[in-house]
Amino acid sequence: EGVFRQRLLICIIKELLEERGVFVVRNGDDLMINGRKLSVSIATKSITSVLIHTGLNILSEGAPVKASGLESELGIKDIKEFALTVMSRYADEIEDIKLAATKVRGV
């Protein structure tokens, strides 16, 4: 379930970027723009839960791989607003999934 939720988060980020006119390629949990890596993400389990770490480059300079950045390449200046939108859409999607799962009686 943790990897599923991680992939859902990545898909939401991809969708938001595409709404801004950015062409994004998703390969598993990696987001690429013009062949350069935008994201880093991992999901792992703990004794009591699952942890998801997802980061997006803001600037591409100084990265150890060919990287793309939200601000430097994509011109997204209000990073906090973008992050809040991602989190809000993720929370809404999880709530919608829970609702959909409880609407129909099992057979």
C-alpha atoms as a PDB file:
ATOM      1  CA  GLU A   1       0.000   0.000   0.000  1.00  0.00           C
ATOM      2  CA  GLY A   2       2.885   2.368   0.699  1.00  0.00           C
ATOM      3  CA  VAL A   3       4.284   2.109  -2.811  1.00  0.00           C
ATOM      4  CA  PHE A   4       0.759   2.528  -4.203  1.00  0.00           C
ATOM      5  CA  ARG A   5       0.324   5.760  -2.210  1.00  0.00           C
ATOM      6  CA  GLN A   6       3.777   6.939  -3.275  1.00  0.00           C
ATOM      7  CA  ARG A   7       2.895   6.406  -6.947  1.00  0.00           C
ATOM      8  CA  LEU A   8      -0.425   8.207  -6.426  1.00  0.00           C
ATOM      9  CA  LEU A   9       1.451  11.213  -5.015  1.00  0.00           C
ATOM     10  CA  ILE A  10       3.853  11.208  -7.979  1.00  0.00           C
ATOM     11  CA  CYS A  11       0.919  11.029 -10.424  1.00  0.00           C
ATOM     12  CA  ILE A  12      -0.738  13.999  -8.714  1.00  0.00           C
ATOM     13  CA  ILE A  13       2.475  16.043  -9.041  1.00  0.00           C
ATOM     14  CA  LYS A  14       2.732  15.051 -12.719  1.00  0.00           C
ATOM     15  CA  GLU A  15      -0.889  16.048 -13.303  1.00  0.00           C
ATOM     16  CA  LEU A  16      -0.378  19.467 -11.672  1.00  0.00           C
ATOM     17  CA  LEU A  17       2.703  20.148 -13.779  1.00  0.00           C
ATOM     18  CA  GLU A  18       0.886  19.107 -16.953  1.00  0.00           C
ATOM     19  CA  GLU A  19      -1.935  21.510 -16.078  1.00  0.00           C
ATOM     20  CA  ARG A  20       0.768  24.213 -16.237  1.00  0.00           C
ATOM     21  CA  GLY A  21       1.756  23.059 -19.719  1.00  0.00           C
ATOM     22  CA  VAL A  22       4.859  21.116 -18.692  1.00  0.00           C
ATOM     23  CA  PHE A  23       5.612  17.847 -20.509  1.00  0.00           C
ATOM     24  CA  VAL A  24       6.536  15.340 -17.796  1.00  0.00           C
ATOM     25  CA  VAL A  25       7.624  11.733 -18.204  1.00  0.00           C
ATOM     26  CA  ARG A  26       6.928   9.389 -15.296  1.00  0.00           C
ATOM     27  CA  ASN A  27       8.968   6.234 -14.900  1.00  0.00           C
ATOM     28  CA  GLY A  28       7.744   4.496 -11.760  1.00  0.00           C
ATOM     29  CA  ASP A  29       8.327   7.014  -8.990  1.00  0.00           C
ATOM     30  CA  ASP A  30      10.668   9.235 -11.041  1.00  0.00           C
ATOM     31  CA  LEU A  31       9.535  12.404 -12.807  1.00  0.00           C
ATOM     32  CA  MET A  32      11.676  13.555 -15.712  1.00  0.00           C
ATOM     33  CA  ILE A  33      11.599  16.790 -17.688  1.00  0.00           C
ATOM     34  CA  ASN A  34      13.632  16.938 -20.903  1.00  0.00           C
ATOM     35  CA  GLY A  35      15.566  13.861 -19.791  1.00  0.00           C
ATOM     36  CA  ARG A  36      16.511  15.477 -16.476  1.00  0.00           C
ATOM     37  CA  LYS A  37      15.379  14.224 -13.087  1.00  0.00           C
ATOM     38  CA  LEU A  38      12.908  16.390 -11.149  1.00  0.00           C
ATOM     39  CA  SER A  39      11.994  14.093  -8.265  1.00  0.00           C
ATOM     40  CA  VAL A  40      13.441  11.790  -5.663  1.00  0.00           C
ATOM     41  CA  SER A  41      11.070   9.449  -3.865  1.00  0.00           C
ATOM     42  CA  ILE A  42      11.121   6.348  -1.676  1.00  0.00           C
ATOM     43  CA  ALA A  43       8.536   4.374   0.274  1.00  0.00           C
ATOM     44  CA  THR A  44       9.427   2.114   3.184  1.00  0.00           C
ATOM     45  CA  LYS A  45       7.643   0.461   6.057  1.00  0.00           C
ATOM     46  CA  SER A  46       8.240   0.903   9.742  1.00  0.00           C
ATOM     47  CA  ILE A  47       6.974  -1.244  12.596  1.00  0.00           C
ATOM     48  CA  THR A  48       3.715   0.720  12.780  1.00  0.00           C
ATOM     49  CA  SER A  49       3.245   2.461   9.441  1.00  0.00           C
ATOM     50  CA  VAL A  50       4.536   3.255   5.982  1.00  0.00           C
ATOM     51  CA  LEU A  51       6.735   6.271   5.290  1.00  0.00           C
ATOM     52  CA  ILE A  52       6.874   8.104   1.979  1.00  0.00           C
ATOM     53  CA  HIS A  53       9.618  10.582   1.188  1.00  0.00           C
ATOM     54  CA  THR A  54       9.182  12.635  -1.963  1.00  0.00           C
ATOM     55  CA  GLY A  55      11.264  15.633  -2.907  1.00  0.00           C
ATOM     56  CA  LEU A  56      11.255  17.892  -5.950  1.00  0.00           C
ATOM     57  CA  ASN A  57      14.265  19.898  -7.037  1.00  0.00           C
ATOM     58  CA  ILE A  58      13.686  23.620  -6.740  1.00  0.00           C
ATOM     59  CA  LEU A  59      16.979  24.501  -8.404  1.00  0.00           C
ATOM     60  CA  SER A  60      18.916  22.195 -10.692  1.00  0.00           C
ATOM     61  CA  GLU A  61      22.392  23.547 -10.007  1.00  0.00           C
ATOM     62  CA  GLY A  62      24.734  21.370  -7.965  1.00  0.00           C
ATOM     63  CA  ALA A  63      22.773  18.130  -8.315  1.00  0.00           C
ATOM     64  CA  PRO A  64      24.832  14.941  -8.692  1.00  0.00           C
ATOM     65  CA  VAL A  65      22.762  13.914 -11.754  1.00  0.00           C
ATOM     66  CA  LYS A  66      21.242  15.780 -14.693  1.00  0.00           C
ATOM     67  CA  ALA A  67      18.419  17.572 -12.914  1.00  0.00           C
ATOM     68  CA  SER A  68      15.483  19.836 -13.581  1.00  0.00           C
ATOM     69  CA  GLY A  69      14.121  22.323 -11.056  1.00  0.00           C
ATOM     70  CA  LEU A  70      10.691  23.767 -10.312  1.00  0.00           C
ATOM     71  CA  GLU A  71      12.004  27.311 -10.140  1.00  0.00           C
ATOM     72  CA  SER A  72      15.073  27.207 -12.365  1.00  0.00           C
ATOM     73  CA  GLU A  73      13.580  25.333 -15.336  1.00  0.00           C
ATOM     74  CA  LEU A  74       9.825  25.547 -14.902  1.00  0.00           C
ATOM     75  CA  GLY A  75       9.497  29.088 -13.571  1.00  0.00           C
ATOM     76  CA  ILE A  76       7.418  28.085 -10.539  1.00  0.00           C
ATOM     77  CA  LYS A  77       8.206  30.868  -8.089  1.00  0.00           C
ATOM     78  CA  ASP A  78       5.722  30.155  -5.292  1.00  0.00           C
ATOM     79  CA  ILE A  79       7.020  26.771  -4.172  1.00  0.00           C
ATOM     80  CA  LYS A  80       4.956  26.829  -0.970  1.00  0.00           C
ATOM     81  CA  GLU A  81       1.727  27.340  -2.925  1.00  0.00           C
ATOM     82  CA  PHE A  82       2.646  24.490  -5.286  1.00  0.00           C
ATOM     83  CA  ALA A  83       3.425  22.190  -2.330  1.00  0.00           C
ATOM     84  CA  LEU A  84       0.155  23.061  -0.580  1.00  0.00           C
ATOM     85  CA  THR A  85      -1.776  22.314  -3.774  1.00  0.00           C
ATOM     86  CA  VAL A  86      -0.039  18.926  -4.105  1.00  0.00           C
ATOM     87  CA  MET A  87      -0.822  18.034  -0.492  1.00  0.00           C
ATOM     88  CA  SER A  88      -4.422  19.182  -0.760  1.00  0.00           C
ATOM     89  CA  ARG A  89      -5.029  17.155  -3.928  1.00  0.00           C
ATOM     90  CA  TYR A  90      -3.392  14.101  -2.356  1.00  0.00           C
ATOM     91  CA  ALA A  91      -5.565  14.360   0.771  1.00  0.00           C
ATOM     92  CA  ASP A  92      -8.692  14.858  -1.355  1.00  0.00           C
ATOM     93  CA  GLU A  93      -7.825  11.815  -3.470  1.00  0.00           C
ATOM     94  CA  ILE A  94      -7.271   9.603  -0.414  1.00  0.00           C
ATOM     95  CA  GLU A  95     -10.620  10.714   1.055  1.00  0.00           C
ATOM     96  CA  ASP A  96     -12.349  10.062  -2.271  1.00  0.00           C
ATOM     97  CA  ILE A  97     -10.820   6.563  -2.409  1.00  0.00           C
ATOM     98  CA  LYS A  98     -12.066   5.823   1.117  1.00  0.00           C
ATOM     99  CA  LEU A  99     -15.555   7.016   0.194  1.00  0.00           C
ATOM    100  CA  ALA A 100     -15.600   4.980  -3.016  1.00  0.00           C
ATOM    101  CA  ALA A 101     -14.490   1.882  -1.102  1.00  0.00           C
ATOM    102  CA  THR A 102     -17.402   2.171   1.340  1.00  0.00           C
ATOM    103  CA  LYS A 103     -20.197   3.031  -1.111  1.00  0.00           C
ATOM    104  CA  VAL A 104     -20.729  -0.488  -2.395  1.00  0.00           C
ATOM    105  CA  ARG A 105     -21.539  -3.555  -0.359  1.00  0.00           C
ATOM    106  CA  GLY A 106     -19.198  -6.518  -0.890  1.00  0.00           C
ATOM    107  CA  VAL A 107     -20.365  -9.565  -2.863  1.00  0.00           C
END
